[in-house]
Amino acid sequence: MPTEIYDDFPGRSFGTYDLLDEVTEKYGIDRREAHESIHAFLAQIVDIDGDGVILKREPVNPQLLQDNWQDLDIRYWLTISDSAANDIRAAFAASYETD
């Protein structure tokens, strides 16, 4: 089943999502570090496998695409492939697990 993540907009707040909760709980890292790491790992995956690992981009507030008189930032939910989500989990395991 594909995984949804919140887009990366450095320095801005971001919504919660399952993969974020999973890695913060498993590795005891804060939300910001986990979110930034997810996007760093995703960028590496895209470099290797191409943009096709991002299956869909949906605006968080679709109405802003039609009427954005305040010029607010348009944020997106990204749907990534199962293989990309699993690669991100593996990258976290390699980077954060200690024995």
N, C-alpha and C. Protein backbone atom coordinates (compact mmCIF):
# COMPACT_ATOMS: atom_id res chain seq x y z
N MET A 1 0.84 -1.18 0.00
CA MET A 1 0.00 0.00 0.00
C MET A 1 0.89 1.24 0.00
N PRO A 2 0.67 2.17 -0.92
CA PRO A 2 1.49 3.38 -0.95
C PRO A 2 1.41 4.16 0.35
N THR A 3 2.40 4.98 0.57
CA THR A 3 2.55 5.74 1.81
C THR A 3 2.45 7.23 1.51
N GLU A 4 1.72 7.96 2.34
CA GLU A 4 1.63 9.41 2.20
C GLU A 4 2.58 10.08 3.18
N ILE A 5 3.29 11.09 2.67
CA ILE A 5 4.15 11.91 3.53
C ILE A 5 3.86 13.38 3.21
N TYR A 6 4.14 14.22 4.17
CA TYR A 6 3.96 15.65 3.97
C TYR A 6 5.17 16.19 3.23
N ASP A 7 4.97 17.16 2.35
CA ASP A 7 6.09 17.70 1.59
C ASP A 7 7.12 18.37 2.50
N ASP A 8 8.27 18.65 1.93
CA ASP A 8 9.33 19.29 2.69
C ASP A 8 9.40 20.75 2.32
N PHE A 9 9.28 21.61 3.31
CA PHE A 9 9.34 23.05 3.12
C PHE A 9 10.19 23.55 4.27
N PRO A 10 11.51 23.59 4.08
CA PRO A 10 12.43 23.89 5.19
C PRO A 10 12.01 25.08 6.04
N GLY A 11 12.07 24.85 7.35
CA GLY A 11 11.77 25.89 8.30
C GLY A 11 10.30 26.09 8.60
N ARG A 12 9.44 25.37 7.90
CA ARG A 12 8.00 25.52 8.10
C ARG A 12 7.44 24.34 8.86
N SER A 13 6.27 24.53 9.42
CA SER A 13 5.61 23.43 10.12
C SER A 13 5.16 22.39 9.10
N PHE A 14 4.85 21.21 9.60
CA PHE A 14 4.40 20.14 8.71
C PHE A 14 3.41 19.27 9.46
N GLY A 15 2.55 18.63 8.71
CA GLY A 15 1.54 17.77 9.29
C GLY A 15 2.13 16.44 9.72
N THR A 16 1.39 15.74 10.53
CA THR A 16 1.84 14.43 10.98
C THR A 16 1.42 13.38 9.95
N TYR A 17 2.16 12.30 9.89
CA TYR A 17 1.83 11.21 8.98
C TYR A 17 2.41 9.92 9.55
N ASP A 18 1.88 8.80 9.09
CA ASP A 18 2.21 7.50 9.69
C ASP A 18 3.69 7.17 9.69
N LEU A 19 4.38 7.39 8.57
CA LEU A 19 5.80 7.06 8.51
C LEU A 19 6.60 7.92 9.50
N LEU A 20 6.22 9.16 9.63
CA LEU A 20 6.86 10.06 10.60
C LEU A 20 6.68 9.53 12.02
N ASP A 21 5.45 9.18 12.37
CA ASP A 21 5.18 8.63 13.70
C ASP A 21 5.97 7.34 13.93
N GLU A 22 6.01 6.50 12.91
CA GLU A 22 6.71 5.22 13.01
C GLU A 22 8.19 5.40 13.35
N VAL A 23 8.87 6.28 12.63
CA VAL A 23 10.32 6.42 12.86
C VAL A 23 10.63 7.22 14.12
N THR A 24 9.77 8.18 14.49
CA THR A 24 10.04 8.90 15.74
C THR A 24 9.91 7.96 16.94
N GLU A 25 8.90 7.10 16.90
CA GLU A 25 8.71 6.16 18.00
C GLU A 25 9.81 5.09 18.02
N LYS A 26 10.15 4.57 16.88
CA LYS A 26 11.12 3.47 16.82
C LYS A 26 12.53 3.91 17.17
N TYR A 27 12.93 5.11 16.73
CA TYR A 27 14.32 5.53 16.91
C TYR A 27 14.50 6.64 17.95
N GLY A 28 13.40 7.12 18.53
CA GLY A 28 13.50 8.11 19.60
C GLY A 28 14.06 9.45 19.15
N ILE A 29 13.80 9.82 17.91
CA ILE A 29 14.27 11.11 17.39
C ILE A 29 13.09 12.07 17.32
N ASP A 30 13.40 13.36 17.26
CA ASP A 30 12.30 14.33 17.24
C ASP A 30 11.67 14.41 15.84
N ARG A 31 10.50 15.00 15.80
CA ARG A 31 9.73 15.06 14.55
C ARG A 31 10.48 15.79 13.44
N ARG A 32 11.11 16.89 13.76
CA ARG A 32 11.83 17.67 12.73
C ARG A 32 12.96 16.84 12.12
N GLU A 33 13.77 16.21 12.97
CA GLU A 33 14.87 15.38 12.46
C GLU A 33 14.34 14.23 11.61
N ALA A 34 13.27 13.60 12.07
CA ALA A 34 12.69 12.48 11.32
C ALA A 34 12.16 12.95 9.97
N HIS A 35 11.44 14.06 9.96
CA HIS A 35 10.86 14.58 8.71
C HIS A 35 11.96 14.95 7.72
N GLU A 36 12.97 15.65 8.20
CA GLU A 36 14.07 16.04 7.31
C GLU A 36 14.83 14.82 6.80
N SER A 37 15.00 13.82 7.65
CA SER A 37 15.68 12.59 7.24
C SER A 37 14.86 11.83 6.20
N ILE A 38 13.56 11.76 6.40
CA ILE A 38 12.69 11.09 5.42
C ILE A 38 12.89 11.73 4.05
N HIS A 39 12.92 13.06 4.01
CA HIS A 39 13.07 13.74 2.72
C HIS A 39 14.48 13.63 2.17
N ALA A 40 15.48 13.57 3.03
CA ALA A 40 16.84 13.36 2.54
C ALA A 40 16.97 11.97 1.91
N PHE A 41 16.41 10.98 2.59
CA PHE A 41 16.44 9.62 2.05
C PHE A 41 15.61 9.53 0.76
N LEU A 42 14.45 10.19 0.74
CA LEU A 42 13.62 10.18 -0.46
C LEU A 42 14.36 10.83 -1.63
N ALA A 43 15.07 11.91 -1.39
CA ALA A 43 15.82 12.58 -2.46
C ALA A 43 16.86 11.63 -3.06
N GLN A 44 17.51 10.84 -2.21
CA GLN A 44 18.49 9.87 -2.71
C GLN A 44 17.80 8.79 -3.55
N ILE A 45 16.64 8.35 -3.10
CA ILE A 45 15.89 7.33 -3.84
C ILE A 45 15.46 7.87 -5.20
N VAL A 46 14.99 9.11 -5.23
CA VAL A 46 14.59 9.74 -6.49
C VAL A 46 15.79 9.86 -7.42
N ASP A 47 16.95 10.22 -6.88
CA ASP A 47 18.16 10.31 -7.70
C ASP A 47 18.49 8.98 -8.36
N ILE A 48 18.27 7.89 -7.65
CA ILE A 48 18.60 6.56 -8.15
C ILE A 48 17.49 5.99 -9.04
N ASP A 49 16.25 6.06 -8.55
CA ASP A 49 15.14 5.38 -9.22
C ASP A 49 14.27 6.30 -10.07
N GLY A 50 14.44 7.59 -9.94
CA GLY A 50 13.65 8.54 -10.72
C GLY A 50 12.41 9.03 -9.99
N ASP A 51 11.77 10.01 -10.61
CA ASP A 51 10.59 10.65 -10.02
C ASP A 51 9.39 9.72 -9.90
N GLY A 52 9.44 8.57 -10.56
CA GLY A 52 8.32 7.64 -10.54
C GLY A 52 8.01 7.07 -9.17
N VAL A 53 8.93 7.20 -8.22
CA VAL A 53 8.65 6.71 -6.86
C VAL A 53 7.65 7.61 -6.14
N ILE A 54 7.50 8.83 -6.62
CA ILE A 54 6.47 9.73 -6.10
C ILE A 54 5.25 9.54 -7.00
N LEU A 55 4.26 8.85 -6.48
CA LEU A 55 3.11 8.45 -7.28
C LEU A 55 2.09 9.56 -7.48
N LYS A 56 1.99 10.45 -6.48
CA LYS A 56 0.96 11.48 -6.55
C LYS A 56 1.34 12.65 -5.65
N ARG A 57 0.95 13.84 -6.07
CA ARG A 57 1.08 15.07 -5.26
C ARG A 57 -0.29 15.68 -5.15
N GLU A 58 -0.80 15.79 -3.93
CA GLU A 58 -2.11 16.39 -3.72
C GLU A 58 -1.97 17.57 -2.77
N PRO A 59 -2.53 18.71 -3.13
CA PRO A 59 -2.43 19.86 -2.24
C PRO A 59 -3.18 19.61 -0.93
N VAL A 60 -2.59 20.07 0.14
CA VAL A 60 -3.24 19.97 1.46
C VAL A 60 -4.53 20.79 1.45
N ASN A 61 -4.47 21.97 0.87
CA ASN A 61 -5.64 22.85 0.74
C ASN A 61 -5.89 23.13 -0.73
N PRO A 62 -6.63 22.25 -1.42
CA PRO A 62 -6.82 22.41 -2.86
C PRO A 62 -7.44 23.74 -3.27
N GLN A 63 -8.23 24.34 -2.39
CA GLN A 63 -8.86 25.61 -2.73
C GLN A 63 -7.84 26.71 -2.99
N LEU A 64 -6.63 26.57 -2.43
CA LEU A 64 -5.61 27.59 -2.66
C LEU A 64 -5.14 27.61 -4.11
N LEU A 65 -5.33 26.52 -4.83
CA LEU A 65 -4.96 26.49 -6.24
C LEU A 65 -5.89 27.38 -7.07
N GLN A 66 -7.11 27.57 -6.58
CA GLN A 66 -8.09 28.38 -7.29
C GLN A 66 -8.14 29.82 -6.77
N ASP A 67 -7.99 29.97 -5.46
CA ASP A 67 -8.16 31.29 -4.86
C ASP A 67 -7.12 31.46 -3.75
N ASN A 68 -6.04 32.12 -4.06
CA ASN A 68 -4.95 32.30 -3.10
C ASN A 68 -4.58 33.78 -3.04
N TRP A 69 -5.55 34.60 -2.72
CA TRP A 69 -5.33 36.04 -2.73
C TRP A 69 -4.31 36.49 -1.70
N GLN A 70 -4.06 35.66 -0.66
CA GLN A 70 -3.07 36.02 0.35
C GLN A 70 -1.68 35.51 -0.01
N ASP A 71 -1.55 34.84 -1.14
CA ASP A 71 -0.29 34.29 -1.61
C ASP A 71 0.35 33.37 -0.57
N LEU A 72 -0.46 32.48 -0.01
CA LEU A 72 0.00 31.51 0.97
C LEU A 72 0.78 30.39 0.28
N ASP A 73 1.69 29.78 1.02
CA ASP A 73 2.42 28.64 0.49
C ASP A 73 1.46 27.49 0.26
N ILE A 74 1.59 26.83 -0.86
CA ILE A 74 0.76 25.67 -1.15
C ILE A 74 1.58 24.43 -0.80
N ARG A 75 1.07 23.69 0.16
CA ARG A 75 1.75 22.49 0.65
C ARG A 75 1.09 21.26 0.06
N TYR A 76 1.84 20.16 0.01
CA TYR A 76 1.35 18.96 -0.66
C TYR A 76 1.53 17.71 0.19
N TRP A 77 0.61 16.77 0.01
CA TRP A 77 0.79 15.40 0.45
C TRP A 77 1.41 14.66 -0.71
N LEU A 78 2.49 13.94 -0.46
CA LEU A 78 3.14 13.13 -1.48
C LEU A 78 2.83 11.67 -1.21
N THR A 79 2.39 10.97 -2.22
CA THR A 79 2.18 9.53 -2.11
C THR A 79 3.39 8.87 -2.75
N ILE A 80 4.10 8.06 -1.95
CA ILE A 80 5.31 7.40 -2.46
C ILE A 80 5.05 5.90 -2.55
N SER A 81 5.82 5.25 -3.39
CA SER A 81 5.66 3.82 -3.62
C SER A 81 6.04 3.01 -2.38
N ASP A 82 5.54 1.79 -2.34
CA ASP A 82 5.91 0.88 -1.24
C ASP A 82 7.41 0.68 -1.19
N SER A 83 8.01 0.50 -2.35
CA SER A 83 9.46 0.26 -2.36
C SER A 83 10.23 1.46 -1.82
N ALA A 84 9.78 2.67 -2.15
CA ALA A 84 10.44 3.87 -1.62
C ALA A 84 10.27 3.95 -0.10
N ALA A 85 9.07 3.67 0.39
CA ALA A 85 8.84 3.69 1.84
C ALA A 85 9.70 2.65 2.54
N ASN A 86 9.80 1.47 1.96
CA ASN A 86 10.64 0.42 2.56
C ASN A 86 12.12 0.79 2.50
N ASP A 87 12.55 1.44 1.42
CA ASP A 87 13.94 1.90 1.34
C ASP A 87 14.21 2.97 2.40
N ILE A 88 13.25 3.83 2.66
CA ILE A 88 13.40 4.85 3.71
C ILE A 88 13.52 4.16 5.07
N ARG A 89 12.67 3.17 5.32
CA ARG A 89 12.76 2.42 6.59
C ARG A 89 14.15 1.77 6.73
N ALA A 90 14.64 1.19 5.65
CA ALA A 90 15.96 0.54 5.68
C ALA A 90 17.06 1.57 5.93
N ALA A 91 16.92 2.76 5.35
CA ALA A 91 17.92 3.81 5.58
C ALA A 91 17.92 4.26 7.03
N PHE A 92 16.74 4.36 7.63
CA PHE A 92 16.67 4.69 9.05
C PHE A 92 17.33 3.60 9.88
N ALA A 93 17.06 2.36 9.56
CA ALA A 93 17.65 1.24 10.31
C ALA A 93 19.17 1.29 10.22
N ALA A 94 19.68 1.56 9.03
CA ALA A 94 21.14 1.62 8.84
C ALA A 94 21.75 2.82 9.56
N SER A 95 20.99 3.89 9.64
CA SER A 95 21.54 5.13 10.23
C SER A 95 21.34 5.25 11.74
N TYR A 96 20.27 4.67 12.27
CA TYR A 96 19.90 4.93 13.65
C TYR A 96 19.94 3.73 14.58
N GLU A 97 19.90 2.52 14.05
CA GLU A 97 19.90 1.36 14.94
C GLU A 97 21.30 1.11 15.48
N THR A 98 21.36 0.78 16.74
CA THR A 98 22.62 0.44 17.38
C THR A 98 22.46 -0.88 18.10
N ASP A 99 23.46 -1.70 18.03
CA ASP A 99 23.43 -3.00 18.74
C ASP A 99 24.48 -3.04 19.80
